[in-house]
Amino acid sequence: MNTALQQNIERQRGLLEQWLRTPLRQVACDCEDLWNEREALDQRLMTGLLELPYCKYLYVLDDRCRQISSNASRHGLLGKHRGRDRSERPYLAAARVGQVFSLSQAYISRNSKRPSVTAVQAIFGPGGEIAGFLAADFDLRELPVTQASYQQP
């Protein structure tokens, strides 16, 4: 990866982190209330995309990092991802050790082979324990700062 792109990614990460903390916390709080209502959870994720304009996918994982929601996308809900084990994904490393909010380093997504970053917000259970995670995927090619620097190899 060239130096200019790396610098833009780091700048974009800082901006994303500032911009994402509050809306992700709010969506995660709403997901706590809808935890056992899968259809309502999926619908909250769809409205959550309106609060996160550059978000590619928004989804919820349980405390073992198994996906319990559909992927919410600009094109609708993608139910085929429900049940997917994401426990080995590197963007979940900080969340798995108890970090409440994290933003991954840039990576190439496993399925779509796109340059990405993922923000993860903890979702808490009734006793204050971490019940799961809200994840928001972003395609670096679609973010304003990195978009101009990225060239498809």
N, C-alpha and C. Protein backbone atom coordinates (compact mmCIF):
# COMPACT_ATOMS: atom_id res chain seq x y z
N MET A 1 0.87 -1.18 0.00
CA MET A 1 0.00 0.00 0.00
C MET A 1 0.91 1.23 0.00
N ASN A 2 0.61 2.22 -0.85
CA ASN A 2 1.49 3.37 -0.92
C ASN A 2 1.31 4.28 0.30
N THR A 3 2.32 5.12 0.56
CA THR A 3 2.36 5.96 1.75
C THR A 3 1.21 6.96 1.79
N ALA A 4 0.88 7.58 0.68
CA ALA A 4 -0.22 8.55 0.65
C ALA A 4 -1.54 7.88 1.03
N LEU A 5 -1.77 6.68 0.52
CA LEU A 5 -2.98 5.96 0.85
C LEU A 5 -3.00 5.60 2.33
N GLN A 6 -1.88 5.13 2.87
CA GLN A 6 -1.80 4.79 4.29
C GLN A 6 -2.10 6.02 5.16
N GLN A 7 -1.55 7.17 4.80
CA GLN A 7 -1.81 8.39 5.56
C GLN A 7 -3.28 8.78 5.48
N ASN A 8 -3.86 8.67 4.31
CA ASN A 8 -5.29 8.98 4.16
C ASN A 8 -6.16 8.02 4.97
N ILE A 9 -5.77 6.76 4.99
CA ILE A 9 -6.52 5.77 5.76
C ILE A 9 -6.46 6.12 7.25
N GLU A 10 -5.28 6.44 7.75
CA GLU A 10 -5.14 6.80 9.16
C GLU A 10 -5.95 8.06 9.50
N ARG A 11 -5.92 9.04 8.61
CA ARG A 11 -6.72 10.25 8.83
C ARG A 11 -8.20 9.91 8.82
N GLN A 12 -8.61 9.08 7.86
CA GLN A 12 -10.01 8.67 7.78
C GLN A 12 -10.41 7.87 9.01
N ARG A 13 -9.53 7.02 9.51
CA ARG A 13 -9.82 6.25 10.73
C ARG A 13 -10.10 7.18 11.91
N GLY A 14 -9.28 8.21 12.06
CA GLY A 14 -9.50 9.17 13.15
C GLY A 14 -10.83 9.89 13.03
N LEU A 15 -11.15 10.32 11.81
CA LEU A 15 -12.44 10.97 11.58
C LEU A 15 -13.60 10.01 11.81
N LEU A 16 -13.46 8.80 11.30
CA LEU A 16 -14.51 7.79 11.47
C LEU A 16 -14.76 7.50 12.95
N GLU A 17 -13.68 7.33 13.69
CA GLU A 17 -13.81 7.02 15.11
C GLU A 17 -14.59 8.11 15.83
N GLN A 18 -14.25 9.36 15.59
CA GLN A 18 -14.98 10.48 16.21
C GLN A 18 -16.44 10.49 15.78
N TRP A 19 -16.67 10.28 14.52
CA TRP A 19 -18.01 10.36 13.95
C TRP A 19 -18.90 9.18 14.35
N LEU A 20 -18.30 8.01 14.58
CA LEU A 20 -19.08 6.79 14.81
C LEU A 20 -19.46 6.51 16.26
N ARG A 21 -18.69 6.99 17.20
CA ARG A 21 -18.91 6.61 18.60
C ARG A 21 -20.35 6.82 19.05
N THR A 22 -20.89 8.01 18.87
CA THR A 22 -22.23 8.31 19.37
C THR A 22 -23.32 7.56 18.63
N PRO A 23 -23.38 7.59 17.28
CA PRO A 23 -24.47 6.85 16.63
C PRO A 23 -24.39 5.34 16.85
N LEU A 24 -23.19 4.76 16.88
CA LEU A 24 -23.10 3.32 17.13
C LEU A 24 -23.55 2.98 18.54
N ARG A 25 -23.20 3.82 19.50
CA ARG A 25 -23.64 3.59 20.88
C ARG A 25 -25.16 3.62 20.95
N GLN A 26 -25.80 4.56 20.24
CA GLN A 26 -27.25 4.66 20.26
C GLN A 26 -27.91 3.44 19.61
N VAL A 27 -27.40 3.03 18.45
CA VAL A 27 -27.96 1.85 17.79
C VAL A 27 -27.76 0.62 18.68
N ALA A 28 -26.59 0.50 19.29
CA ALA A 28 -26.31 -0.64 20.19
C ALA A 28 -27.27 -0.66 21.37
N CYS A 29 -27.54 0.51 21.96
CA CYS A 29 -28.50 0.59 23.07
C CYS A 29 -29.88 0.13 22.63
N ASP A 30 -30.29 0.54 21.45
CA ASP A 30 -31.59 0.11 20.92
C ASP A 30 -31.59 -1.40 20.67
N CYS A 31 -30.46 -1.94 20.22
CA CYS A 31 -30.36 -3.38 19.98
C CYS A 31 -30.48 -4.17 21.29
N GLU A 32 -29.99 -3.59 22.39
CA GLU A 32 -30.15 -4.24 23.70
C GLU A 32 -31.63 -4.49 23.97
N ASP A 33 -32.46 -3.50 23.70
CA ASP A 33 -33.90 -3.61 23.95
C ASP A 33 -34.60 -4.57 23.01
N LEU A 34 -34.01 -4.81 21.83
CA LEU A 34 -34.63 -5.65 20.81
C LEU A 34 -33.96 -7.01 20.68
N TRP A 35 -33.11 -7.35 21.62
CA TRP A 35 -32.23 -8.51 21.52
C TRP A 35 -32.96 -9.80 21.12
N ASN A 36 -34.11 -10.05 21.66
CA ASN A 36 -34.84 -11.29 21.38
C ASN A 36 -35.90 -11.15 20.30
N GLU A 37 -35.92 -10.02 19.63
CA GLU A 37 -36.91 -9.78 18.56
C GLU A 37 -36.16 -9.59 17.25
N ARG A 38 -35.86 -10.68 16.56
CA ARG A 38 -34.99 -10.65 15.39
C ARG A 38 -35.48 -9.74 14.27
N GLU A 39 -36.77 -9.75 13.98
CA GLU A 39 -37.27 -8.89 12.90
C GLU A 39 -37.14 -7.42 13.28
N ALA A 40 -37.46 -7.08 14.53
CA ALA A 40 -37.33 -5.70 15.00
C ALA A 40 -35.86 -5.29 15.03
N LEU A 41 -34.98 -6.22 15.39
CA LEU A 41 -33.55 -5.95 15.39
C LEU A 41 -33.07 -5.62 13.98
N ASP A 42 -33.49 -6.43 13.01
CA ASP A 42 -33.12 -6.17 11.62
C ASP A 42 -33.63 -4.81 11.15
N GLN A 43 -34.85 -4.47 11.52
CA GLN A 43 -35.42 -3.18 11.11
C GLN A 43 -34.65 -2.02 11.75
N ARG A 44 -34.22 -2.19 13.01
CA ARG A 44 -33.43 -1.12 13.65
C ARG A 44 -32.11 -0.94 12.93
N LEU A 45 -31.53 -2.04 12.47
CA LEU A 45 -30.28 -1.93 11.70
C LEU A 45 -30.50 -1.18 10.40
N MET A 46 -31.62 -1.43 9.75
CA MET A 46 -31.92 -0.70 8.50
C MET A 46 -32.04 0.80 8.76
N THR A 47 -32.72 1.19 9.84
CA THR A 47 -32.81 2.63 10.14
C THR A 47 -31.46 3.16 10.62
N GLY A 48 -30.65 2.29 11.22
CA GLY A 48 -29.31 2.68 11.64
C GLY A 48 -28.44 3.10 10.47
N LEU A 49 -28.66 2.51 9.31
CA LEU A 49 -27.89 2.89 8.12
C LEU A 49 -28.13 4.36 7.75
N LEU A 50 -29.31 4.87 8.07
CA LEU A 50 -29.59 6.28 7.78
C LEU A 50 -28.73 7.20 8.64
N GLU A 51 -28.33 6.72 9.81
CA GLU A 51 -27.49 7.48 10.73
C GLU A 51 -26.01 7.33 10.40
N LEU A 52 -25.69 6.38 9.53
CA LEU A 52 -24.30 6.07 9.18
C LEU A 52 -24.16 6.06 7.66
N PRO A 53 -24.12 7.23 7.03
CA PRO A 53 -24.24 7.32 5.57
C PRO A 53 -23.23 6.55 4.74
N TYR A 54 -22.03 6.30 5.21
CA TYR A 54 -21.05 5.59 4.40
C TYR A 54 -20.94 4.11 4.76
N CYS A 55 -21.77 3.66 5.66
CA CYS A 55 -21.73 2.27 6.12
C CYS A 55 -22.18 1.32 5.02
N LYS A 56 -21.40 0.28 4.79
CA LYS A 56 -21.72 -0.74 3.78
C LYS A 56 -22.65 -1.80 4.36
N TYR A 57 -22.31 -2.33 5.55
CA TYR A 57 -23.11 -3.35 6.21
C TYR A 57 -23.15 -3.06 7.71
N LEU A 58 -24.29 -3.35 8.30
CA LEU A 58 -24.50 -3.21 9.74
C LEU A 58 -25.11 -4.52 10.21
N TYR A 59 -24.53 -5.12 11.29
CA TYR A 59 -25.03 -6.41 11.75
C TYR A 59 -24.71 -6.60 13.23
N VAL A 60 -25.40 -7.58 13.84
CA VAL A 60 -25.25 -7.84 15.27
C VAL A 60 -24.75 -9.26 15.48
N LEU A 61 -23.81 -9.38 16.41
CA LEU A 61 -23.21 -10.66 16.79
C LEU A 61 -23.51 -10.95 18.25
N ASP A 62 -23.59 -12.22 18.62
CA ASP A 62 -23.74 -12.55 20.03
C ASP A 62 -22.36 -12.51 20.70
N ASP A 63 -22.29 -12.89 21.96
CA ASP A 63 -21.03 -12.79 22.70
C ASP A 63 -19.97 -13.79 22.23
N ARG A 64 -20.36 -14.77 21.40
CA ARG A 64 -19.40 -15.71 20.80
C ARG A 64 -19.04 -15.31 19.38
N CYS A 65 -19.51 -14.15 18.97
CA CYS A 65 -19.27 -13.59 17.64
C CYS A 65 -19.95 -14.37 16.53
N ARG A 66 -21.09 -14.95 16.84
CA ARG A 66 -21.96 -15.56 15.84
C ARG A 66 -23.01 -14.53 15.47
N GLN A 67 -23.24 -14.36 14.20
CA GLN A 67 -24.16 -13.33 13.73
C GLN A 67 -25.60 -13.74 14.01
N ILE A 68 -26.34 -12.85 14.70
CA ILE A 68 -27.73 -13.15 15.04
C ILE A 68 -28.71 -12.30 14.23
N SER A 69 -28.22 -11.36 13.47
CA SER A 69 -29.07 -10.52 12.63
C SER A 69 -28.74 -10.79 11.17
N SER A 70 -29.55 -10.20 10.31
CA SER A 70 -29.20 -10.15 8.89
C SER A 70 -28.13 -9.07 8.73
N ASN A 71 -27.51 -9.02 7.57
CA ASN A 71 -26.69 -7.86 7.22
C ASN A 71 -27.65 -6.79 6.71
N ALA A 72 -27.64 -5.63 7.31
CA ALA A 72 -28.41 -4.51 6.78
C ALA A 72 -27.51 -3.82 5.76
N SER A 73 -28.05 -3.57 4.57
CA SER A 73 -27.29 -2.91 3.52
C SER A 73 -28.19 -1.89 2.84
N ARG A 74 -27.61 -1.05 2.00
CA ARG A 74 -28.38 -0.06 1.25
C ARG A 74 -29.38 -0.72 0.29
N HIS A 75 -29.15 -1.98 -0.01
CA HIS A 75 -30.02 -2.72 -0.93
C HIS A 75 -31.04 -3.58 -0.19
N GLY A 76 -31.07 -3.48 1.14
CA GLY A 76 -32.01 -4.26 1.93
C GLY A 76 -31.31 -5.22 2.88
N LEU A 77 -32.09 -6.11 3.46
CA LEU A 77 -31.57 -7.09 4.41
C LEU A 77 -31.03 -8.31 3.68
N LEU A 78 -29.88 -8.79 4.14
CA LEU A 78 -29.25 -9.98 3.57
C LEU A 78 -29.26 -11.07 4.63
N GLY A 79 -30.33 -11.87 4.67
CA GLY A 79 -30.52 -12.86 5.71
C GLY A 79 -29.57 -14.05 5.65
N LYS A 80 -28.92 -14.26 4.52
CA LYS A 80 -28.05 -15.43 4.38
C LYS A 80 -26.85 -15.39 5.33
N HIS A 81 -26.56 -14.22 5.91
CA HIS A 81 -25.41 -14.10 6.80
C HIS A 81 -25.73 -14.46 8.25
N ARG A 82 -27.01 -14.58 8.56
CA ARG A 82 -27.42 -14.95 9.92
C ARG A 82 -26.83 -16.32 10.26
N GLY A 83 -26.26 -16.42 11.45
CA GLY A 83 -25.65 -17.67 11.89
C GLY A 83 -24.17 -17.79 11.58
N ARG A 84 -23.64 -16.86 10.81
CA ARG A 84 -22.22 -16.90 10.41
C ARG A 84 -21.31 -16.73 11.64
N ASP A 85 -20.28 -17.54 11.72
CA ASP A 85 -19.28 -17.44 12.79
C ASP A 85 -18.21 -16.45 12.35
N ARG A 86 -18.13 -15.34 13.04
CA ARG A 86 -17.13 -14.32 12.70
C ARG A 86 -16.03 -14.23 13.75
N SER A 87 -15.96 -15.21 14.63
CA SER A 87 -15.05 -15.15 15.78
C SER A 87 -13.58 -15.02 15.41
N GLU A 88 -13.20 -15.49 14.25
CA GLU A 88 -11.78 -15.43 13.85
C GLU A 88 -11.45 -14.19 13.03
N ARG A 89 -12.40 -13.32 12.81
CA ARG A 89 -12.14 -12.13 12.02
C ARG A 89 -11.26 -11.17 12.82
N PRO A 90 -10.21 -10.63 12.22
CA PRO A 90 -9.27 -9.76 12.95
C PRO A 90 -9.91 -8.48 13.48
N TYR A 91 -10.95 -7.98 12.83
CA TYR A 91 -11.58 -6.75 13.29
C TYR A 91 -12.32 -6.92 14.62
N LEU A 92 -12.47 -8.17 15.08
CA LEU A 92 -13.15 -8.42 16.36
C LEU A 92 -12.17 -8.64 17.52
N ALA A 93 -10.89 -8.60 17.24
CA ALA A 93 -9.89 -8.89 18.28
C ALA A 93 -10.05 -7.99 19.51
N ALA A 94 -10.18 -6.69 19.31
CA ALA A 94 -10.30 -5.77 20.45
C ALA A 94 -11.61 -5.99 21.21
N ALA A 95 -12.67 -6.24 20.49
CA ALA A 95 -13.98 -6.48 21.12
C ALA A 95 -13.95 -7.75 21.96
N ARG A 96 -13.29 -8.77 21.47
CA ARG A 96 -13.25 -10.06 22.18
C ARG A 96 -12.50 -9.98 23.49
N VAL A 97 -11.66 -8.98 23.66
CA VAL A 97 -10.96 -8.82 24.95
C VAL A 97 -11.60 -7.74 25.81
N GLY A 98 -12.82 -7.31 25.44
CA GLY A 98 -13.59 -6.43 26.30
C GLY A 98 -13.61 -4.96 25.95
N GLN A 99 -12.97 -4.57 24.85
CA GLN A 99 -13.01 -3.16 24.46
C GLN A 99 -14.43 -2.80 24.03
N VAL A 100 -14.96 -1.71 24.56
CA VAL A 100 -16.35 -1.33 24.31
C VAL A 100 -16.55 -0.80 22.89
N PHE A 101 -15.58 -0.06 22.37
CA PHE A 101 -15.63 0.46 21.01
C PHE A 101 -14.27 0.25 20.37
N SER A 102 -14.26 -0.19 19.12
CA SER A 102 -12.99 -0.31 18.41
C SER A 102 -13.20 -0.05 16.93
N LEU A 103 -12.15 0.37 16.29
CA LEU A 103 -12.14 0.56 14.84
C LEU A 103 -10.92 -0.20 14.31
N SER A 104 -11.17 -1.13 13.42
CA SER A 104 -10.10 -2.00 12.93
C SER A 104 -9.09 -1.25 12.09
N GLN A 105 -7.99 -1.90 11.89
CA GLN A 105 -7.04 -1.45 10.87
C GLN A 105 -7.65 -1.78 9.51
N ALA A 106 -7.11 -1.19 8.47
CA ALA A 106 -7.59 -1.51 7.12
C ALA A 106 -7.26 -2.97 6.81
N TYR A 107 -8.18 -3.64 6.13
CA TYR A 107 -7.98 -5.03 5.74
C TYR A 107 -8.73 -5.28 4.44
N ILE A 108 -8.45 -6.40 3.81
CA ILE A 108 -9.18 -6.82 2.62
C ILE A 108 -10.24 -7.81 3.08
N SER A 109 -11.51 -7.51 2.79
CA SER A 109 -12.58 -8.37 3.26
C SER A 109 -12.47 -9.76 2.64
N ARG A 110 -12.81 -10.75 3.44
CA ARG A 110 -12.68 -12.15 3.05
C ARG A 110 -13.59 -12.51 1.88
N ASN A 111 -14.83 -12.03 1.91
CA ASN A 111 -15.80 -12.45 0.90
C ASN A 111 -15.80 -11.59 -0.36
N SER A 112 -15.81 -10.27 -0.18
CA SER A 112 -15.91 -9.41 -1.36
C SER A 112 -14.57 -8.88 -1.85
N LYS A 113 -13.50 -9.18 -1.11
CA LYS A 113 -12.14 -8.76 -1.49
C LYS A 113 -12.02 -7.25 -1.65
N ARG A 114 -12.72 -6.50 -0.79
CA ARG A 114 -12.68 -5.05 -0.88
C ARG A 114 -11.88 -4.49 0.30
N PRO A 115 -11.17 -3.36 0.11
CA PRO A 115 -10.44 -2.75 1.22
C PRO A 115 -11.46 -2.17 2.20
N SER A 116 -11.34 -2.54 3.48
CA SER A 116 -12.39 -2.23 4.44
C SER A 116 -11.82 -1.84 5.80
N VAL A 117 -12.68 -1.24 6.61
CA VAL A 117 -12.48 -1.09 8.04
C VAL A 117 -13.83 -1.42 8.69
N THR A 118 -13.77 -1.91 9.92
CA THR A 118 -14.98 -2.25 10.65
C THR A 118 -14.94 -1.62 12.03
N ALA A 119 -16.05 -0.97 12.40
CA ALA A 119 -16.23 -0.43 13.74
C ALA A 119 -17.07 -1.42 14.52
N VAL A 120 -16.71 -1.65 15.79
CA VAL A 120 -17.42 -2.59 16.63
C VAL A 120 -17.77 -1.91 17.94
N GLN A 121 -19.05 -1.99 18.32
CA GLN A 121 -19.55 -1.42 19.57
C GLN A 121 -20.16 -2.55 20.39
N ALA A 122 -19.79 -2.63 21.67
CA ALA A 122 -20.35 -3.66 22.55
C ALA A 122 -21.83 -3.39 22.80
N ILE A 123 -22.58 -4.47 22.94
CA ILE A 123 -23.99 -4.43 23.32
C ILE A 123 -24.07 -5.12 24.68
N PHE A 124 -24.70 -4.46 25.64
CA PHE A 124 -24.72 -4.98 27.00
C PHE A 124 -26.04 -5.66 27.33
N GLY A 125 -25.94 -6.68 28.18
CA GLY A 125 -27.11 -7.40 28.66
C GLY A 125 -27.70 -6.70 29.88
N PRO A 126 -28.78 -7.25 30.42
CA PRO A 126 -29.47 -6.62 31.55
C PRO A 126 -28.61 -6.49 32.81
N GLY A 127 -27.63 -7.36 32.97
CA GLY A 127 -26.76 -7.30 34.14
C GLY A 127 -25.49 -6.50 33.91
N GLY A 128 -25.39 -5.83 32.77
CA GLY A 128 -24.21 -5.04 32.46
C GLY A 128 -23.09 -5.81 31.78
N GLU A 129 -23.29 -7.11 31.56
CA GLU A 129 -22.29 -7.93 30.88
C GLU A 129 -22.38 -7.68 29.37
N ILE A 130 -21.29 -7.97 28.66
CA ILE A 130 -21.32 -7.85 27.20
C ILE A 130 -22.11 -9.03 26.65
N ALA A 131 -23.24 -8.72 25.99
CA ALA A 131 -24.12 -9.73 25.40
C ALA A 131 -23.76 -9.99 23.95
N GLY A 132 -23.13 -9.00 23.31
CA GLY A 132 -22.79 -9.13 21.90
C GLY A 132 -22.19 -7.86 21.37
N PHE A 133 -22.22 -7.73 20.05
CA PHE A 133 -21.54 -6.62 19.39
C PHE A 133 -22.33 -6.14 18.18
N LEU A 134 -22.28 -4.85 17.97
CA LEU A 134 -22.79 -4.23 16.75
C LEU A 134 -21.58 -3.95 15.88
N ALA A 135 -21.61 -4.41 14.63
CA ALA A 135 -20.50 -4.20 13.71
C ALA A 135 -20.96 -3.39 12.52
N ALA A 136 -20.11 -2.46 12.10
CA ALA A 136 -20.39 -1.60 10.95
C ALA A 136 -19.19 -1.67 10.01
N ASP A 137 -19.43 -2.20 8.81
CA ASP A 137 -18.37 -2.34 7.80
C ASP A 137 -18.39 -1.13 6.86
N PHE A 138 -17.19 -0.68 6.52
CA PHE A 138 -17.03 0.44 5.59
C PHE A 138 -16.06 0.05 4.50
N ASP A 139 -16.41 0.33 3.26
CA ASP A 139 -15.56 0.09 2.10
C ASP A 139 -14.69 1.33 1.92
N LEU A 140 -13.38 1.15 1.98
CA LEU A 140 -12.47 2.31 1.86
C LEU A 140 -12.62 3.03 0.54
N ARG A 141 -13.05 2.33 -0.49
CA ARG A 141 -13.23 2.96 -1.80
C ARG A 141 -14.38 3.95 -1.81
N GLU A 142 -15.27 3.85 -0.81
CA GLU A 142 -16.45 4.71 -0.77
C GLU A 142 -16.38 5.81 0.27
N LEU A 143 -15.32 5.84 1.07
CA LEU A 143 -15.17 6.89 2.08
C LEU A 143 -14.56 8.13 1.44
N PRO A 144 -15.03 9.32 1.81
CA PRO A 144 -14.59 10.54 1.14
C PRO A 144 -13.09 10.77 1.09
N VAL A 145 -12.37 10.55 2.18
CA VAL A 145 -10.94 10.87 2.20
C VAL A 145 -10.13 9.86 1.41
N THR A 146 -10.45 8.56 1.52
CA THR A 146 -9.65 7.54 0.84
C THR A 146 -10.08 7.31 -0.60
N GLN A 147 -11.27 7.69 -0.93
CA GLN A 147 -11.83 7.47 -2.26
C GLN A 147 -10.92 8.02 -3.37
N ALA A 148 -10.42 9.22 -3.19
CA ALA A 148 -9.59 9.85 -4.22
C ALA A 148 -8.23 9.17 -4.37
N SER A 149 -7.73 8.56 -3.29
CA SER A 149 -6.40 7.94 -3.32
C SER A 149 -6.40 6.51 -3.77
N TYR A 150 -7.53 5.86 -3.68
CA TYR A 150 -7.58 4.43 -3.96
C TYR A 150 -7.64 4.17 -5.46
N GLN A 151 -6.80 3.24 -5.90
CA GLN A 151 -6.83 2.80 -7.29
C GLN A 151 -6.97 1.29 -7.29
N GLN A 152 -7.90 0.78 -8.05
CA GLN A 152 -8.12 -0.67 -8.11
C GLN A 152 -6.89 -1.34 -8.70
N PRO A 153 -6.29 -2.30 -7.99
CA PRO A 153 -5.11 -2.99 -8.55
C PRO A 153 -5.52 -3.93 -9.67
